[in-house]
Protein backbone atom coordinates (compact mmCIF):
# COMPACT_ATOMS: atom_id res chain seq x y z
CA MET A 1 0.78 18.91 -36.44
CA PRO A 2 3.49 17.10 -38.47
CA ARG A 3 2.42 13.68 -39.77
CA LEU A 4 5.52 12.01 -38.33
CA LEU A 5 4.67 13.30 -34.84
CA VAL A 6 1.07 12.13 -35.23
CA ALA A 7 2.23 8.69 -36.32
CA ALA A 8 4.72 8.46 -33.44
CA ILE A 9 2.13 9.36 -30.83
CA ILE A 10 -0.49 7.01 -32.23
CA SER A 11 2.07 4.24 -32.42
CA SER A 12 2.82 4.87 -28.76
CA LEU A 13 -0.88 4.78 -27.89
CA VAL A 14 -1.36 1.49 -29.74
CA SER A 15 1.71 -0.01 -28.09
CA ILE A 16 0.47 0.96 -24.65
CA SER A 17 -3.01 -0.42 -25.41
CA GLN A 18 -1.57 -3.84 -26.14
CA ALA A 19 0.60 -3.98 -23.02
CA ALA A 20 -1.09 -6.03 -20.33
CA ASP A 21 1.72 -6.34 -17.78
CA LEU A 22 1.83 -4.28 -14.60
CA THR A 23 5.19 -3.47 -13.02
CA VAL A 24 5.34 -2.10 -9.49
CA ALA A 25 8.28 -1.27 -7.25
CA THR A 26 8.73 -0.59 -3.54
CA PHE A 27 11.59 1.32 -1.93
CA ASN A 28 12.29 2.50 1.63
CA THR A 29 14.16 5.71 0.82
CA GLU A 30 15.39 6.22 4.41
CA SER A 31 14.71 9.58 6.02
CA ASP A 32 17.64 9.61 8.43
CA ALA A 33 19.58 12.83 8.79
CA ASP A 34 22.50 11.52 6.74
CA THR A 35 20.38 10.52 3.74
CA GLN A 36 20.55 12.76 0.67
CA PRO A 37 17.37 12.69 -1.48
CA ALA A 38 19.35 13.55 -4.61
CA LYS A 39 21.38 10.36 -4.21
CA VAL A 40 18.27 8.31 -3.47
CA ALA A 41 16.76 9.79 -6.65
CA ALA A 42 19.82 8.61 -8.55
CA SER A 43 19.15 5.08 -7.27
CA ILE A 44 15.52 5.31 -8.38
CA ALA A 45 16.65 6.29 -11.86
CA GLU A 46 18.71 3.08 -11.98
CA ILE A 47 15.96 0.69 -10.80
CA GLY A 48 14.74 0.11 -14.34
CA SER A 49 11.24 0.12 -15.75
CA PHE A 50 8.18 0.37 -13.51
CA ASP A 51 4.66 1.80 -13.73
CA ILE A 52 4.12 2.53 -10.04
CA LEU A 53 6.58 3.18 -7.22
CA ALA A 54 5.55 2.73 -3.56
CA LEU A 55 7.80 4.57 -1.13
CA GLN A 56 8.41 4.60 2.61
CA GLU A 57 10.43 6.97 4.81
CA VAL A 58 10.01 9.93 2.49
CA GLU A 59 11.41 12.93 4.31
CA SER A 60 9.41 15.68 2.55
CA THR A 61 7.23 16.65 -0.38
CA GLN A 62 10.35 18.09 -2.03
CA ALA A 63 12.09 14.72 -1.74
CA LEU A 64 9.07 12.93 -3.21
CA LYS A 65 9.04 15.35 -6.13
CA ALA A 66 12.70 14.54 -6.73
CA TYR A 67 11.82 10.84 -6.80
CA ALA A 68 9.02 11.47 -9.32
CA ASP A 69 11.40 13.54 -11.42
CA ALA A 70 13.85 10.61 -11.34
CA ALA A 71 11.15 8.38 -12.83
CA VAL A 72 10.53 10.98 -15.53
CA ALA A 73 14.23 11.32 -16.28
CA SER A 74 14.80 7.58 -16.58
CA GLN A 75 11.56 6.57 -18.31
CA GLY A 76 9.95 9.66 -19.79
CA GLY A 77 6.21 10.17 -19.87
CA ARG A 78 3.91 11.83 -17.40
CA TRP A 79 3.85 11.00 -13.68
CA ARG A 80 2.17 12.11 -10.48
CA TYR A 81 2.95 11.64 -6.80
CA VAL A 82 0.78 11.51 -3.69
CA ILE A 83 2.05 11.76 -0.12
CA SER A 84 0.62 10.65 3.22
CA GLU A 85 -0.40 12.78 6.17
CA SER A 86 1.07 10.39 8.71
CA GLY A 87 4.82 10.28 9.07
CA PHE A 88 5.55 13.60 10.74
CA ASN A 89 7.63 13.15 13.89
CA SER A 90 8.66 15.59 16.59
CA SER A 91 11.53 13.42 17.81
CA ARG A 92 13.17 12.30 14.55
CA GLU A 93 13.23 12.92 10.82
CA PRO A 94 9.81 12.73 9.12
CA ASP A 95 9.09 9.49 7.29
CA PHE A 96 6.03 9.92 5.09
CA LEU A 97 4.59 7.38 2.70
CA GLY A 98 4.39 8.14 -1.00
CA ILE A 99 3.23 6.68 -4.30
CA VAL A 100 4.47 7.71 -7.72
CA TYR A 101 2.53 6.52 -10.77
CA ARG A 102 2.15 7.08 -14.51
CA THR A 103 -0.73 9.39 -15.38
CA ASP A 104 -0.33 8.55 -19.06
CA LYS A 105 -1.28 4.97 -18.17
CA PHE A 106 -3.53 5.17 -15.11
CA ARG A 107 -6.44 7.28 -13.91
CA GLN A 108 -6.55 8.05 -10.19
CA LEU A 109 -9.94 7.14 -8.75
CA LYS A 110 -9.48 7.40 -4.99
CA THR A 111 -6.82 8.08 -2.38
CA THR A 112 -7.33 6.66 1.11
CA GLU A 113 -5.16 6.81 4.20
CA ILE A 114 -5.88 4.25 6.90
CA HIS A 115 -5.09 5.96 10.18
CA LEU A 116 -6.70 3.34 12.40
CA ILE A 117 -3.59 1.13 12.14
CA ARG A 118 -1.69 3.86 13.99
CA SER A 119 -2.45 2.11 17.27
CA ARG A 120 -1.10 -0.39 19.78
CA PRO A 121 -3.05 -3.38 21.10
CA ASP A 122 -4.81 -2.71 24.38
CA GLY A 123 -7.80 -5.07 24.23
CA SER A 124 -10.08 -2.67 22.39
CA ALA A 125 -11.01 -2.97 18.72
CA TYR A 126 -8.49 -0.46 17.49
CA GLY A 127 -6.04 -0.24 20.36
CA GLU A 128 -4.42 2.78 21.92
CA PRO A 129 -3.86 5.56 19.34
CA ASP A 130 -0.19 6.27 18.76
CA TRP A 131 0.34 9.07 16.27
CA SER A 132 4.06 8.36 16.05
CA LEU A 133 3.10 5.24 14.03
CA ARG A 134 2.45 5.42 10.31
CA GLY A 135 -0.82 4.64 8.58
CA ALA A 136 -1.22 2.93 5.22
CA LEU A 137 -1.64 4.88 1.98
CA LEU A 138 -3.96 3.35 -0.64
CA LEU A 139 -4.35 4.53 -4.20
CA ARG A 140 -7.15 3.16 -6.38
CA LEU A 141 -6.26 3.31 -10.06
CA GLN A 142 -7.90 2.47 -13.37
CA ASP A 143 -5.87 1.38 -16.36
CA ILE A 144 -6.81 3.89 -19.07
CA ASN A 145 -6.76 1.38 -21.92
CA SER A 146 -8.37 -1.70 -20.41
CA GLU A 147 -10.42 0.08 -17.71
CA ALA A 148 -9.21 -2.54 -15.22
CA GLU A 149 -9.25 -1.25 -11.62
CA PHE A 150 -6.94 -2.13 -8.75
CA GLN A 151 -5.46 -0.70 -5.56
CA ILE A 152 -1.86 -0.05 -4.56
CA ALA A 153 -1.18 0.15 -0.83
CA THR A 154 2.12 1.23 0.70
CA LEU A 155 2.86 0.75 4.40
CA HIS A 156 5.59 0.85 7.01
CA LEU A 157 4.72 -1.09 10.15
CA LYS A 158 6.22 -0.64 13.61
CA CYS A 159 9.86 -1.56 13.86
CA CYS A 160 12.21 -2.60 16.58
CA ASN A 161 11.30 -5.73 18.54
CA GLU A 162 7.55 -5.11 18.76
CA PRO A 163 5.96 -8.03 16.88
CA GLY A 164 2.73 -7.63 18.86
CA VAL A 165 2.21 -4.12 17.54
CA ARG A 166 2.93 -5.26 13.98
CA ALA A 167 0.46 -8.12 14.32
CA HIS A 168 -2.18 -5.70 15.61
CA GLN A 169 -1.55 -3.23 12.78
CA ALA A 170 -1.57 -6.01 10.18
CA ALA A 171 -4.89 -7.37 11.49
CA LEU A 172 -6.56 -3.98 11.21
CA LEU A 173 -5.18 -3.52 7.71
CA ALA A 174 -6.33 -7.01 6.71
CA ALA A 175 -9.88 -6.19 7.77
CA GLU A 176 -9.83 -3.04 5.65
CA ILE A 177 -8.52 -4.89 2.59
CA VAL A 178 -11.14 -7.61 2.90
CA GLN A 179 -13.97 -5.14 3.47
CA GLY A 180 -12.91 -3.05 0.49
CA GLY A 181 -12.25 -6.07 -1.69
CA GLU A 182 -14.25 -5.09 -4.77
CA VAL A 183 -10.94 -4.52 -6.57
CA PRO A 184 -7.63 -6.39 -6.13
CA THR A 185 -5.10 -4.83 -3.77
CA ILE A 186 -1.33 -5.05 -4.18
CA LEU A 187 0.38 -4.35 -0.87
CA LEU A 188 3.99 -3.17 -0.83
CA GLY A 189 6.39 -1.76 1.69
CA ASP A 190 8.63 -2.15 4.67
CA THR A 191 6.58 -4.34 7.00
CA ASN A 192 9.42 -4.76 9.50
CA ILE A 193 8.42 -8.43 9.49
CA PRO A 194 11.79 -10.19 9.17
CA ILE A 195 11.89 -13.00 6.64
CA GLU A 196 15.20 -14.79 6.31
CA PRO A 197 16.49 -15.25 2.75
CA GLY A 198 15.40 -18.68 1.54
CA ALA A 199 12.47 -18.95 3.98
CA ASP A 200 8.86 -19.20 2.84
CA GLY A 201 7.61 -16.67 5.36
CA ALA A 202 8.12 -15.24 8.82
CA ASP A 203 8.40 -17.46 11.88
CA GLY A 204 8.33 -17.18 15.64
CA ALA A 205 6.77 -14.07 17.14
CA ASN A 206 6.42 -12.46 13.70
CA ARG A 207 4.33 -15.27 12.23
CA GLU A 208 1.06 -13.71 13.41
CA ALA A 209 1.70 -10.44 11.58
CA PHE A 210 2.72 -12.35 8.45
CA ASN A 211 -0.45 -14.47 8.58
CA ASN A 212 -2.53 -11.34 8.98
CA LEU A 213 -1.07 -9.93 5.77
CA THR A 214 -1.54 -13.18 3.87
CA SER A 215 -4.24 -15.69 4.84
CA SER A 216 -6.35 -13.09 6.69
CA SER A 217 -6.07 -10.59 3.82
CA GLY A 218 -6.55 -12.99 0.93
CA LEU A 219 -3.04 -12.14 -0.28
CA VAL A 220 0.12 -14.11 -0.87
CA TRP A 221 3.70 -13.01 -0.38
CA LEU A 222 5.74 -12.81 -3.58
CA LYS A 223 8.98 -14.54 -2.68
CA PRO A 224 11.79 -12.82 -4.60
CA ARG A 225 13.59 -14.93 -7.17
CA ASN A 226 16.89 -13.68 -5.68
CA PRO A 227 16.29 -13.77 -1.89
CA ILE A 228 18.84 -11.56 -0.14
CA LYS A 229 18.46 -9.16 2.75
CA THR A 230 16.81 -5.86 1.84
CA GLN A 231 18.17 -3.71 4.67
CA CYS A 232 21.87 -2.96 4.84
CA ASP A 233 22.30 -3.69 8.52
CA PRO A 234 25.33 -5.87 9.31
CA ASN A 235 23.58 -7.20 12.41
CA PHE A 236 20.57 -8.63 10.55
CA ASN A 237 20.01 -10.82 7.52
CA SER A 238 16.35 -10.19 6.78
CA MET A 239 14.02 -9.23 3.98
CA LEU A 240 12.00 -6.48 5.65
CA ASP A 241 10.65 -5.12 2.37
CA GLN A 242 7.92 -7.20 0.74
CA VAL A 243 5.23 -7.41 -1.93
CA TYR A 244 1.84 -9.07 -1.37
CA ALA A 245 -0.85 -9.68 -4.00
CA PRO A 246 -4.09 -11.60 -4.56
CA THR A 247 -3.61 -15.18 -5.74
CA SER A 248 -5.14 -14.34 -9.11
CA LEU A 249 -2.34 -11.85 -9.79
CA ALA A 250 0.45 -13.59 -7.91
CA ALA A 251 0.12 -16.78 -9.96
CA ALA A 252 1.75 -15.05 -12.92
CA ALA A 253 4.05 -12.65 -11.08
CA THR A 254 7.75 -12.39 -10.32
CA ALA A 255 9.60 -10.30 -7.75
CA GLU A 256 13.24 -9.26 -7.84
CA ILE A 257 15.38 -7.44 -5.30
CA LYS A 258 17.40 -4.77 -7.08
CA PHE A 259 21.02 -3.77 -6.44
CA ALA A 260 21.90 -7.22 -5.17
CA GLU A 261 25.65 -6.61 -5.21
CA ALA A 262 27.26 -6.37 -1.78
CA SER A 263 28.89 -3.06 -2.66
CA TYR A 264 25.47 -1.39 -2.75
CA CYS A 265 25.33 -1.37 1.03
CA ASP A 266 28.64 0.49 1.19
CA LYS A 267 26.84 3.50 -0.30
CA ASP A 268 24.65 3.93 2.80
CA ALA A 269 27.40 5.95 4.48
CA GLN A 270 27.55 8.20 1.41
CA GLY A 271 23.95 9.39 1.70
CA PHE A 272 22.10 6.65 -0.19
CA SER A 273 19.23 4.60 1.22
CA ASP A 274 20.02 1.67 3.49
CA HIS A 275 17.32 -0.47 1.85
CA ARG A 276 17.19 -2.29 -1.46
CA PRO A 277 14.16 -1.77 -3.72
CA ILE A 278 12.01 -4.62 -5.01
CA VAL A 279 10.36 -4.76 -8.44
CA ALA A 280 7.39 -7.05 -9.12
CA VAL A 281 6.01 -7.81 -12.59
CA PHE A 282 2.42 -9.01 -12.89
CA THR A 283 2.03 -10.67 -16.28
CA ASP A 284 -1.23 -9.95 -18.12
CA ALA A 285 -2.66 -8.23 -15.04
CA LEU A 286 -4.09 -5.50 -17.26
CA GLN A 287 -5.89 -6.88 -20.29
CA GLY A 288 -5.60 -4.25 -23.01
CA ALA A 289 -8.26 -3.52 -25.59
CA GLY A 290 -5.88 -4.54 -28.37
CA PRO A 291 -6.80 -4.07 -32.07
CA GLU A 292 -10.22 -2.56 -31.35
CA LEU A 293 -8.69 0.35 -29.46
CA ALA A 294 -5.96 0.65 -32.08
CA SER A 295 -8.59 0.97 -34.79
CA GLU A 296 -10.43 3.68 -32.87
CA ALA A 297 -7.20 5.55 -32.29
CA ALA A 298 -6.30 5.38 -35.98
CA ALA A 299 -9.73 6.70 -36.97
CA SER A 300 -9.17 9.88 -34.96
CA SER A 301 -5.40 10.01 -35.15
CA GLU A 302 -4.88 13.76 -35.39
CA ALA A 303 -7.33 14.55 -32.59
CA ALA A 304 -5.71 11.91 -30.38
CA ALA A 305 -2.25 13.25 -31.18
CA GLU A 306 -3.25 16.81 -30.35
CA GLU A 307 -4.79 15.67 -27.05
CA ALA A 308 -1.66 13.69 -26.21
CA GLU A 309 0.52 16.69 -27.00
CA TYR A 310 -1.67 18.90 -24.80
CA ARG A 311 -1.37 16.47 -21.90
CA ILE A 312 2.39 16.26 -22.32
CA GLN A 313 2.80 20.03 -22.20
CA LYS A 314 0.30 20.82 -19.45
CA VAL A 315 1.36 20.43 -15.81
CA ASP A 316 -1.35 21.97 -13.68
CA ARG A 317 -1.61 20.02 -10.42
CA PRO A 318 0.64 19.63 -7.40
CA GLY A 319 2.33 16.27 -7.75
CA ASP A 320 2.60 16.28 -11.55
CA ALA A 321 5.92 15.53 -13.22
CA VAL A 322 6.44 15.32 -16.96
CA GLY A 323 9.19 14.45 -19.42
CA ARG A 324 9.97 16.76 -22.30
C-alpha cells in the first residue's frame, strides 16, 4: 500500500481518536403522500456535520437508505441504518422510525424497540394496545476509540390533541429509561409536545408528558439556542421536535434548529419535509484515548491502514452505506 495512503489513513485514525465531541441530529422526514424522499435526502445533505441521525416518519427502507446515502455523500465515511418495526399503517402512509450512524466511529451493541408505549391509558399498567401508535427505537452504541457507551432513542408520540395519550406513553418510556440506566440515553424526536419558542418547557395539559420525559426520566430538555417553530404549520407556533439528555451530558451541550429561514417552509409544497431538523453537540461526551492510541496506531500503521481500507471497500450487511 502506498506510504502516502498509509499516512493519510493513520492521520485520520489519530484525528478521530482525539475527538471527544458527539454530534447528533433529529429530523421528522414526513411520510405524507406528497413528500419526495430524494428532496428530503437533499435537505439531510445540507444539515452539516453529525455522527448520528435520528429520524421519524420514514416512509420505507428505500427512503431510509437514501437518507444514509445523503450522509455518505455530504460527509464521507462508512454509515449504517436501522429501521423500526412499528410505523406501518393501513389507513395512511407508513411512518417508521430510523437511526443512521457512523460505523467508522461507533460499534453497535444492541437494538431495542419498545412496543409497550404503543398503548392508550385505560387504568392498567400498560393501557389498551393500539398498534397504530409508534414505539420507540433505541440503539446502544460504543465509541470505538474511547470505548464509552451510550444509547440513542428516537420516538414519535401520539399527535393531535391527545395529551393524555402522550403523557401515558412518556411515562412508560421514562420507566424503561430509568430501569435500563446503566448507560446514558439521549432521547430525540417528534414528541408532539408543543413548546412555544422562548418557553422553558411545555405547559397546560402537555406539562405531564414533558415532566415524564424530564424529571421522571432523569433527563433535561436541550433548549435550542435559536428557538423557532420546528413544524411548518401556519396554524401553530410550536417546537414539536426536541432533544433530551442526562444532566451530565446536557451541561456542556448546545442545540440548534437548522434551516431557520422562513423560506424553508415554502418548500413543503414542493415535496420537502414540513419539519426542521435539530442538531445537538455534546462537548467532550466521548473521551478519546489520545496520544496512547495514536502511538499504538503508529506502531502498526500498515496493518491498520490495510484494515481500514478493507472496511471502506467491504459492504456486506443490509443497512450499510459507504463513501468512495
